[in-house]
Each structure stands twice: as structure tokens, then as C-alpha cells.
Amino acid sequence: MYAYAEEQDKIPDEGDATKNVKVSSISTKGSTVKLRVTVTENRGRYSGHQAVWEFTYKIKKQS
């Protein structure tokens, strides 16, 4: 799984996260996987400030 976040400004800052999920760990009822992505401002007066995004994926095997 992969999640990516990018701020929308002249020089965008970005962040990403990955997580491996074994197919054998997913049931027919489904599984929920969460990834947290942190984007840190690296220029200007807000330099060092962070935004944290949480992406939630619901994965389910087809029956």
C-alpha cells in the first residue's frame, strides 16, 4: 500500500508512506489498513510546521 500527500504552493513539500500487507492476512470480511503521512514545511515563516494525513484503506477478498 502506498499513500502520498503534497501541499499546494509554489514550492510544494511532500510526504509518503508505504506498508506491506500479506494477502493471507486479509479475510473475506475485510481488513482496514491505516497509513499516516507527515508533510513538513521547509521554507518561509511556517518552516518546521507539520501537517499529518491519515489514509484509511479497506481491503476485502472477493468470494
Protein backbone atom coordinates (compact mmCIF):
# COMPACT_ATOMS: atom_id res chain seq x y z
CA MET A 1 0.00 0.00 0.00
CA TYR A 2 1.18 3.49 -0.72
CA ALA A 3 -0.03 6.93 0.36
CA TYR A 4 1.24 10.31 -0.85
CA ALA A 5 0.43 13.89 0.18
CA GLU A 6 1.67 17.13 -1.37
CA GLU A 7 0.95 20.69 -0.33
CA GLN A 8 -0.32 23.07 -2.98
CA ASP A 9 2.02 26.05 -3.19
CA LYS A 10 4.86 27.49 -5.29
CA ILE A 11 7.46 25.06 -3.90
CA PRO A 12 5.43 22.05 -2.69
CA ASP A 13 6.52 19.93 0.26
CA GLU A 14 5.57 16.28 0.18
CA GLY A 15 5.46 13.12 2.22
CA ASP A 16 4.68 9.46 1.65
CA ALA A 17 4.28 6.16 3.45
CA THR A 18 4.25 2.51 2.45
CA LYS A 19 3.10 -0.66 4.15
CA ASN A 20 3.21 -4.26 3.03
CA VAL A 21 0.12 -6.37 3.62
CA LYS A 22 0.19 -10.14 3.30
CA VAL A 23 -2.69 -11.47 1.26
CA SER A 24 -3.07 -14.30 3.76
CA SER A 25 -3.87 -11.74 6.49
CA ILE A 26 -6.95 -10.44 4.64
CA SER A 27 -10.27 -12.14 5.34
CA THR A 28 -13.43 -12.22 3.26
CA LYS A 29 -14.95 -9.87 5.86
CA GLY A 30 -12.18 -7.41 5.10
CA SER A 31 -9.33 -5.65 6.81
CA THR A 32 -8.61 -1.99 7.49
CA VAL A 33 -5.14 -0.57 6.99
CA LYS A 34 -4.17 2.96 8.02
CA LEU A 35 -1.17 4.91 6.79
CA ARG A 36 -0.02 8.21 8.31
CA VAL A 37 1.78 10.71 6.09
CA THR A 38 3.55 13.74 7.57
CA VAL A 39 4.35 16.77 5.41
CA THR A 40 6.80 19.26 6.95
CA GLU A 41 7.01 22.87 5.74
CA ASN A 42 10.65 23.53 4.88
CA ARG A 43 10.64 27.20 3.82
CA GLY A 44 9.27 30.54 4.95
CA ARG A 45 7.72 31.70 8.17
CA TYR A 46 5.96 28.38 8.78
CA SER A 47 9.13 26.33 8.35
CA GLY A 48 9.08 23.30 10.64
CA HIS A 49 5.27 23.16 10.91
CA GLN A 50 3.73 19.81 10.04
CA ALA A 51 0.51 18.51 8.58
CA VAL A 52 -0.39 14.89 9.30
CA TRP A 53 -2.68 12.99 6.96
CA GLU A 54 -4.23 9.63 7.72
CA PHE A 55 -5.28 7.42 4.83
CA THR A 56 -7.61 4.51 5.57
CA TYR A 57 -7.88 1.57 3.18
CA LYS A 58 -10.48 -1.18 3.43
CA ILE A 59 -9.31 -4.36 1.75
CA LYS A 60 -11.51 -7.36 1.12
CA LYS A 61 -11.04 -10.67 -0.66
CA GLN A 62 -13.59 -11.42 -3.33
CA SER A 63 -15.59 -14.53 -2.68
